[in-house]
């Protein structure tokens, strides 16, 4: 069960890594993938150990969801077409920081599932996460390959991260009384999160494109 959870979570990791490192020169991408994956796995282990304490922090998932929406928006609107400014727009250090920060936020929601499935057995948690490492590494490389050929996939990746952010917001315990009174709350929160990032990101990208043509 833990391995299955980690495989699913690895998809989110792979998307973040691909989006964060797509602006890097080819020689720097593998470094970002390896460093980002290693640090992300370490963070997941630490968060799982601290899962019970994290649950006691009020509105933590709400704040995390909002921060993840901002990350998705930033990754979507990053300058990924102007190859002359790649180094200025993105470096190995900033890519790794983005990967680690995004995984820290996403981990808040996901480690609860892992902690429950492991019944406190940290060895099982570590084993499951290590098994997911190849999936994250190769998954991010495949996504990067596809993004280079199909630019619109960047929007799909940002949409998936936005949906994850919506899930975090929807699972905030302190907001459950509000959501219980809101018709179709699940659709409103998740759909609103995705629509907000994709619409604003698309508009900003179009404005940048028009300005660059002048």
C-alpha atoms as a PDB file:
ATOM      1  CA  UNK A   1       0.000   0.000   0.000  1.00  0.00           C
ATOM      2  CA  UNK A   2       2.787   2.433   0.908  1.00  0.00           C
ATOM      3  CA  UNK A   3       4.566   1.774  -2.395  1.00  0.00           C
ATOM      4  CA  UNK A   4       1.307   2.426  -4.236  1.00  0.00           C
ATOM      5  CA  UNK A   5       0.849   5.744  -2.434  1.00  0.00           C
ATOM      6  CA  UNK A   6       4.448   6.733  -3.197  1.00  0.00           C
ATOM      7  CA  UNK A   7       4.033   5.878  -6.877  1.00  0.00           C
ATOM      8  CA  UNK A   8       1.014   8.185  -7.075  1.00  0.00           C
ATOM      9  CA  UNK A   9       2.813  10.946  -5.189  1.00  0.00           C
ATOM     10  CA  UNK A  10       5.827  10.491  -7.457  1.00  0.00           C
ATOM     11  CA  UNK A  11       3.739  11.803 -10.337  1.00  0.00           C
ATOM     12  CA  UNK A  12       3.388  15.177  -8.625  1.00  0.00           C
ATOM     13  CA  UNK A  13       7.118  15.236  -7.923  1.00  0.00           C
ATOM     14  CA  UNK A  14       7.955  14.456 -11.536  1.00  0.00           C
ATOM     15  CA  UNK A  15       5.732  17.284 -12.788  1.00  0.00           C
ATOM     16  CA  UNK A  16       7.259  19.820 -10.395  1.00  0.00           C
ATOM     17  CA  UNK A  17      10.796  18.770 -11.318  1.00  0.00           C
ATOM     18  CA  UNK A  18      10.037  18.931 -15.053  1.00  0.00           C
ATOM     19  CA  UNK A  19       8.421  22.362 -14.815  1.00  0.00           C
ATOM     20  CA  UNK A  20      11.134  23.778 -12.566  1.00  0.00           C
ATOM     21  CA  UNK A  21      14.064  22.521 -14.641  1.00  0.00           C
ATOM     22  CA  UNK A  22      12.730  23.013 -18.180  1.00  0.00           C
ATOM     23  CA  UNK A  23      14.507  26.382 -18.512  1.00  0.00           C
ATOM     24  CA  UNK A  24      17.909  24.976 -17.585  1.00  0.00           C
ATOM     25  CA  UNK A  25      20.658  24.184 -20.084  1.00  0.00           C
ATOM     26  CA  UNK A  26      20.784  20.488 -20.964  1.00  0.00           C
ATOM     27  CA  UNK A  27      23.957  19.978 -18.906  1.00  0.00           C
ATOM     28  CA  UNK A  28      22.265  21.261 -15.733  1.00  0.00           C
ATOM     29  CA  UNK A  29      18.977  19.370 -15.978  1.00  0.00           C
ATOM     30  CA  UNK A  30      20.213  16.003 -14.686  1.00  0.00           C
ATOM     31  CA  UNK A  31      21.808  17.727 -11.695  1.00  0.00           C
ATOM     32  CA  UNK A  32      18.511  19.461 -10.887  1.00  0.00           C
ATOM     33  CA  UNK A  33      16.592  16.201 -11.242  1.00  0.00           C
ATOM     34  CA  UNK A  34      18.951  14.226  -8.993  1.00  0.00           C
ATOM     35  CA  UNK A  35      19.343  16.947  -6.362  1.00  0.00           C
ATOM     36  CA  UNK A  36      15.650  17.783  -6.383  1.00  0.00           C
ATOM     37  CA  UNK A  37      14.622  14.130  -6.097  1.00  0.00           C
ATOM     38  CA  UNK A  38      17.069  13.397  -3.283  1.00  0.00           C
ATOM     39  CA  UNK A  39      15.988  16.406  -1.251  1.00  0.00           C
ATOM     40  CA  UNK A  40      12.305  15.763  -1.965  1.00  0.00           C
ATOM     41  CA  UNK A  41      12.540  12.191  -0.647  1.00  0.00           C
ATOM     42  CA  UNK A  42      14.376  13.392   2.464  1.00  0.00           C
ATOM     43  CA  UNK A  43      11.669  15.987   3.089  1.00  0.00           C
ATOM     44  CA  UNK A  44       8.913  13.381   2.720  1.00  0.00           C
ATOM     45  CA  UNK A  45      10.609  11.194   5.340  1.00  0.00           C
ATOM     46  CA  UNK A  46      10.956  14.087   7.797  1.00  0.00           C
ATOM     47  CA  UNK A  47       7.381  15.244   7.235  1.00  0.00           C
ATOM     48  CA  UNK A  48       6.079  11.715   7.806  1.00  0.00           C
ATOM     49  CA  UNK A  49       7.916  11.541  11.133  1.00  0.00           C
ATOM     50  CA  UNK A  50       6.371  14.902  12.084  1.00  0.00           C
ATOM     51  CA  UNK A  51       2.922  14.105  10.661  1.00  0.00           C
ATOM     52  CA  UNK A  52       1.092  14.058  14.020  1.00  0.00           C
ATOM     53  CA  UNK A  53       2.581  17.407  15.060  1.00  0.00           C
ATOM     54  CA  UNK A  54       1.760  18.956  11.669  1.00  0.00           C
ATOM     55  CA  UNK A  55      -1.908  18.060  12.049  1.00  0.00           C
ATOM     56  CA  UNK A  56      -2.104  20.280  15.129  1.00  0.00           C
ATOM     57  CA  UNK A  57      -1.139  23.448  13.222  1.00  0.00           C
ATOM     58  CA  UNK A  58      -4.325  25.374  12.315  1.00  0.00           C
ATOM     59  CA  UNK A  59      -4.923  26.347   8.678  1.00  0.00           C
ATOM     60  CA  UNK A  60      -1.637  24.738   7.610  1.00  0.00           C
ATOM     61  CA  UNK A  61      -3.180  23.005   4.597  1.00  0.00           C
ATOM     62  CA  UNK A  62      -4.965  26.186   3.534  1.00  0.00           C
ATOM     63  CA  UNK A  63      -1.726  28.166   3.572  1.00  0.00           C
ATOM     64  CA  UNK A  64       0.092  25.315   1.822  1.00  0.00           C
ATOM     65  CA  UNK A  65      -2.564  25.136  -0.882  1.00  0.00           C
ATOM     66  CA  UNK A  66      -2.353  28.873  -1.548  1.00  0.00           C
ATOM     67  CA  UNK A  67       1.452  28.710  -1.743  1.00  0.00           C
ATOM     68  CA  UNK A  68       1.260  25.789  -4.175  1.00  0.00           C
ATOM     69  CA  UNK A  69      -1.116  27.802  -6.379  1.00  0.00           C
ATOM     70  CA  UNK A  70       1.471  30.584  -6.466  1.00  0.00           C
ATOM     71  CA  UNK A  71       4.202  28.091  -7.397  1.00  0.00           C
ATOM     72  CA  UNK A  72       2.078  26.629 -10.210  1.00  0.00           C
ATOM     73  CA  UNK A  73       1.391  30.133 -11.517  1.00  0.00           C
ATOM     74  CA  UNK A  74       5.073  31.077 -11.363  1.00  0.00           C
ATOM     75  CA  UNK A  75       6.139  27.901 -13.171  1.00  0.00           C
ATOM     76  CA  UNK A  76       3.464  28.452 -15.831  1.00  0.00           C
ATOM     77  CA  UNK A  77       4.418  32.052 -16.514  1.00  0.00           C
ATOM     78  CA  UNK A  78       8.188  31.526 -16.404  1.00  0.00           C
ATOM     79  CA  UNK A  79      10.153  32.614 -19.470  1.00  0.00           C
ATOM     80  CA  UNK A  80      10.620  29.285 -21.243  1.00  0.00           C
ATOM     81  CA  UNK A  81      10.715  30.415 -24.869  1.00  0.00           C
ATOM     82  CA  UNK A  82      13.525  32.946 -24.836  1.00  0.00           C
ATOM     83  CA  UNK A  83      16.632  30.777 -25.022  1.00  0.00           C
ATOM     84  CA  UNK A  84      18.927  33.788 -24.865  1.00  0.00           C
ATOM     85  CA  UNK A  85      17.864  34.512 -21.294  1.00  0.00           C
ATOM     86  CA  UNK A  86      17.834  30.983 -19.882  1.00  0.00           C
ATOM     87  CA  UNK A  87      20.647  31.575 -17.420  1.00  0.00           C
ATOM     88  CA  UNK A  88      19.150  34.821 -16.205  1.00  0.00           C
ATOM     89  CA  UNK A  89      15.676  33.361 -15.846  1.00  0.00           C
ATOM     90  CA  UNK A  90      16.666  30.053 -14.262  1.00  0.00           C
ATOM     91  CA  UNK A  91      19.689  28.557 -12.532  1.00  0.00           C
ATOM     92  CA  UNK A  92      20.379  25.175 -10.987  1.00  0.00           C
ATOM     93  CA  UNK A  93      20.066  26.656  -7.514  1.00  0.00           C
ATOM     94  CA  UNK A  94      16.698  28.304  -8.125  1.00  0.00           C
ATOM     95  CA  UNK A  95      15.348  25.176  -9.837  1.00  0.00           C
ATOM     96  CA  UNK A  96      16.311  22.973  -6.868  1.00  0.00           C
ATOM     97  CA  UNK A  97      14.847  25.516  -4.418  1.00  0.00           C
ATOM     98  CA  UNK A  98      11.561  25.513  -6.336  1.00  0.00           C
ATOM     99  CA  UNK A  99      11.460  21.698  -6.362  1.00  0.00           C
ATOM    100  CA  UNK A 100      12.187  21.428  -2.644  1.00  0.00           C
ATOM    101  CA  UNK A 101       9.741  24.173  -1.642  1.00  0.00           C
ATOM    102  CA  UNK A 102       6.934  22.745  -3.782  1.00  0.00           C
ATOM    103  CA  UNK A 103       7.488  19.255  -2.422  1.00  0.00           C
ATOM    104  CA  UNK A 104       7.530  20.573   1.139  1.00  0.00           C
ATOM    105  CA  UNK A 105       4.106  22.099   0.540  1.00  0.00           C
ATOM    106  CA  UNK A 106       2.618  19.099  -1.287  1.00  0.00           C
ATOM    107  CA  UNK A 107       4.007  16.764   1.341  1.00  0.00           C
ATOM    108  CA  UNK A 108       1.822  18.333   4.038  1.00  0.00           C
ATOM    109  CA  UNK A 109      -1.259  16.677   2.594  1.00  0.00           C
ATOM    110  CA  UNK A 110       0.269  13.465   1.328  1.00  0.00           C
ATOM    111  CA  UNK A 111       2.359  12.336   4.284  1.00  0.00           C
ATOM    112  CA  UNK A 112      -0.786  11.838   6.329  1.00  0.00           C
ATOM    113  CA  UNK A 113      -1.776   8.975   4.040  1.00  0.00           C
ATOM    114  CA  UNK A 114       1.688   7.468   4.213  1.00  0.00           C
ATOM    115  CA  UNK A 115       1.897   7.836   7.993  1.00  0.00           C
ATOM    116  CA  UNK A 116      -1.454   6.089   8.413  1.00  0.00           C
ATOM    117  CA  UNK A 117      -0.540   3.235   6.080  1.00  0.00           C
ATOM    118  CA  UNK A 118       2.841   2.668   7.739  1.00  0.00           C
ATOM    119  CA  UNK A 119       1.427   2.548  11.296  1.00  0.00           C
ATOM    120  CA  UNK A 120       4.489   4.418  12.537  1.00  0.00           C
ATOM    121  CA  UNK A 121       7.023   2.110  10.868  1.00  0.00           C
ATOM    122  CA  UNK A 122       9.606   4.555   9.496  1.00  0.00           C
ATOM    123  CA  UNK A 123      11.517   1.738   7.769  1.00  0.00           C
ATOM    124  CA  UNK A 124       8.474   1.035   5.610  1.00  0.00           C
ATOM    125  CA  UNK A 125       8.184   4.736   4.795  1.00  0.00           C
ATOM    126  CA  UNK A 126      11.839   5.010   3.765  1.00  0.00           C
ATOM    127  CA  UNK A 127      11.657   1.802   1.701  1.00  0.00           C
ATOM    128  CA  UNK A 128       8.549   2.971  -0.132  1.00  0.00           C
ATOM    129  CA  UNK A 129      10.051   6.378  -0.890  1.00  0.00           C
ATOM    130  CA  UNK A 130      13.293   4.853  -2.165  1.00  0.00           C
ATOM    131  CA  UNK A 131      11.335   2.578  -4.485  1.00  0.00           C
ATOM    132  CA  UNK A 132       9.563   5.648  -5.884  1.00  0.00           C
ATOM    133  CA  UNK A 133      12.858   7.445  -6.694  1.00  0.00           C
ATOM    134  CA  UNK A 134      13.370   5.828 -10.147  1.00  0.00           C
ATOM    135  CA  UNK A 135       9.768   6.669 -11.017  1.00  0.00           C
ATOM    136  CA  UNK A 136      10.297  10.314 -10.086  1.00  0.00           C
ATOM    137  CA  UNK A 137      13.614  10.582 -11.981  1.00  0.00           C
ATOM    138  CA  UNK A 138      12.525   8.868 -15.174  1.00  0.00           C
ATOM    139  CA  UNK A 139       9.051  10.375 -14.997  1.00  0.00           C
ATOM    140  CA  UNK A 140      10.465  13.908 -14.871  1.00  0.00           C
ATOM    141  CA  UNK A 141      12.739  13.166 -17.837  1.00  0.00           C
ATOM    142  CA  UNK A 142       9.834  11.846 -19.899  1.00  0.00           C
ATOM    143  CA  UNK A 143       7.718  14.886 -19.016  1.00  0.00           C
ATOM    144  CA  UNK A 144      10.595  17.221 -19.916  1.00  0.00           C
ATOM    145  CA  UNK A 145      11.003  15.451 -23.268  1.00  0.00           C
ATOM    146  CA  UNK A 146       7.293  15.855 -24.027  1.00  0.00           C
ATOM    147  CA  UNK A 147       7.196  19.483 -22.877  1.00  0.00           C
ATOM    148  CA  UNK A 148       9.991  20.389 -25.277  1.00  0.00           C
ATOM    149  CA  UNK A 149       7.932  19.060 -28.163  1.00  0.00           C
ATOM    150  CA  UNK A 150       4.450  20.007 -27.000  1.00  0.00           C
ATOM    151  CA  UNK A 151       4.592  23.411 -25.291  1.00  0.00           C
ATOM    152  CA  UNK A 152       0.952  23.238 -24.262  1.00  0.00           C
ATOM    153  CA  UNK A 153       1.763  20.429 -21.828  1.00  0.00           C
ATOM    154  CA  UNK A 154       3.138  23.103 -19.495  1.00  0.00           C
ATOM    155  CA  UNK A 155      -0.477  24.120 -18.904  1.00  0.00           C
ATOM    156  CA  UNK A 156      -1.452  20.533 -18.117  1.00  0.00           C
ATOM    157  CA  UNK A 157       1.372  20.269 -15.588  1.00  0.00           C
ATOM    158  CA  UNK A 158       0.388  23.557 -13.958  1.00  0.00           C
ATOM    159  CA  UNK A 159      -3.224  22.393 -13.929  1.00  0.00           C
ATOM    160  CA  UNK A 160      -2.300  19.193 -12.083  1.00  0.00           C
ATOM    161  CA  UNK A 161      -0.355  21.166  -9.462  1.00  0.00           C
ATOM    162  CA  UNK A 162      -3.308  23.549  -9.111  1.00  0.00           C
ATOM    163  CA  UNK A 163      -5.645  20.592  -8.604  1.00  0.00           C
ATOM    164  CA  UNK A 164      -3.303  19.294  -5.894  1.00  0.00           C
ATOM    165  CA  UNK A 165      -3.440  22.729  -4.263  1.00  0.00           C
ATOM    166  CA  UNK A 166      -7.243  22.575  -4.392  1.00  0.00           C
ATOM    167  CA  UNK A 167      -7.131  19.192  -2.668  1.00  0.00           C
ATOM    168  CA  UNK A 168      -5.025  20.650   0.137  1.00  0.00           C
ATOM    169  CA  UNK A 169      -7.433  23.553   0.611  1.00  0.00           C
ATOM    170  CA  UNK A 170     -10.439  21.226   0.498  1.00  0.00           C
ATOM    171  CA  UNK A 171      -8.909  18.999   3.197  1.00  0.00           C
ATOM    172  CA  UNK A 172      -8.324  21.884   5.614  1.00  0.00           C
ATOM    173  CA  UNK A 173     -10.196  20.751   8.721  1.00  0.00           C
ATOM    174  CA  UNK A 174     -10.989  24.271   9.905  1.00  0.00           C
ATOM    175  CA  UNK A 175     -12.864  24.956   6.664  1.00  0.00           C
ATOM    176  CA  UNK A 176     -15.015  21.820   6.731  1.00  0.00           C
ATOM    177  CA  UNK A 177     -18.038  23.603   8.292  1.00  0.00           C
ATOM    178  CA  UNK A 178     -17.944  26.089   5.402  1.00  0.00           C
ATOM    179  CA  UNK A 179     -17.520  23.434   2.721  1.00  0.00           C
ATOM    180  CA  UNK A 180     -20.350  21.352   4.194  1.00  0.00           C
ATOM    181  CA  UNK A 181     -22.710  24.283   3.564  1.00  0.00           C
ATOM    182  CA  UNK A 182     -21.368  25.039   0.069  1.00  0.00           C
ATOM    183  CA  UNK A 183     -23.146  23.202  -2.773  1.00  0.00           C
ATOM    184  CA  UNK A 184     -20.733  21.184  -4.904  1.00  0.00           C
ATOM    185  CA  UNK A 185     -17.826  22.344  -2.723  1.00  0.00           C
ATOM    186  CA  UNK A 186     -15.415  19.771  -4.177  1.00  0.00           C
ATOM    187  CA  UNK A 187     -15.981  20.967  -7.735  1.00  0.00           C
ATOM    188  CA  UNK A 188     -15.913  24.649  -6.737  1.00  0.00           C
ATOM    189  CA  UNK A 189     -12.621  24.421  -4.825  1.00  0.00           C
ATOM    190  CA  UNK A 190     -10.766  22.161  -7.263  1.00  0.00           C
ATOM    191  CA  UNK A 191     -12.199  23.684 -10.425  1.00  0.00           C
ATOM    192  CA  UNK A 192     -11.678  27.201  -9.117  1.00  0.00           C
ATOM    193  CA  UNK A 193      -8.037  26.497  -8.252  1.00  0.00           C
ATOM    194  CA  UNK A 194      -7.275  25.101 -11.694  1.00  0.00           C
ATOM    195  CA  UNK A 195      -9.220  27.793 -13.563  1.00  0.00           C
ATOM    196  CA  UNK A 196      -7.607  30.614 -11.582  1.00  0.00           C
ATOM    197  CA  UNK A 197      -4.031  29.533 -12.345  1.00  0.00           C
ATOM    198  CA  UNK A 198      -4.579  28.516 -15.968  1.00  0.00           C
ATOM    199  CA  UNK A 199      -6.653  31.562 -16.931  1.00  0.00           C
ATOM    200  CA  UNK A 200      -4.418  34.160 -15.275  1.00  0.00           C
ATOM    201  CA  UNK A 201      -1.293  32.354 -16.475  1.00  0.00           C
ATOM    202  CA  UNK A 202      -2.570  32.190 -20.053  1.00  0.00           C
ATOM    203  CA  UNK A 203      -3.524  35.888 -20.068  1.00  0.00           C
ATOM    204  CA  UNK A 204      -0.144  36.938 -18.658  1.00  0.00           C
ATOM    205  CA  UNK A 205       1.723  34.745 -21.156  1.00  0.00           C
ATOM    206  CA  UNK A 206      -0.252  36.254 -24.036  1.00  0.00           C
ATOM    207  CA  UNK A 207       0.517  39.773 -22.813  1.00  0.00           C
ATOM    208  CA  UNK A 208       4.229  38.925 -22.585  1.00  0.00           C
ATOM    209  CA  UNK A 209       4.151  37.466 -26.085  1.00  0.00           C
ATOM    210  CA  UNK A 210       2.485  40.554 -27.533  1.00  0.00           C
ATOM    211  CA  UNK A 211       4.930  42.879 -25.778  1.00  0.00           C
ATOM    212  CA  UNK A 212       7.913  40.870 -27.042  1.00  0.00           C
ATOM    213  CA  UNK A 213       6.667  41.170 -30.627  1.00  0.00           C
ATOM    214  CA  UNK A 214       6.627  44.964 -30.438  1.00  0.00           C
END
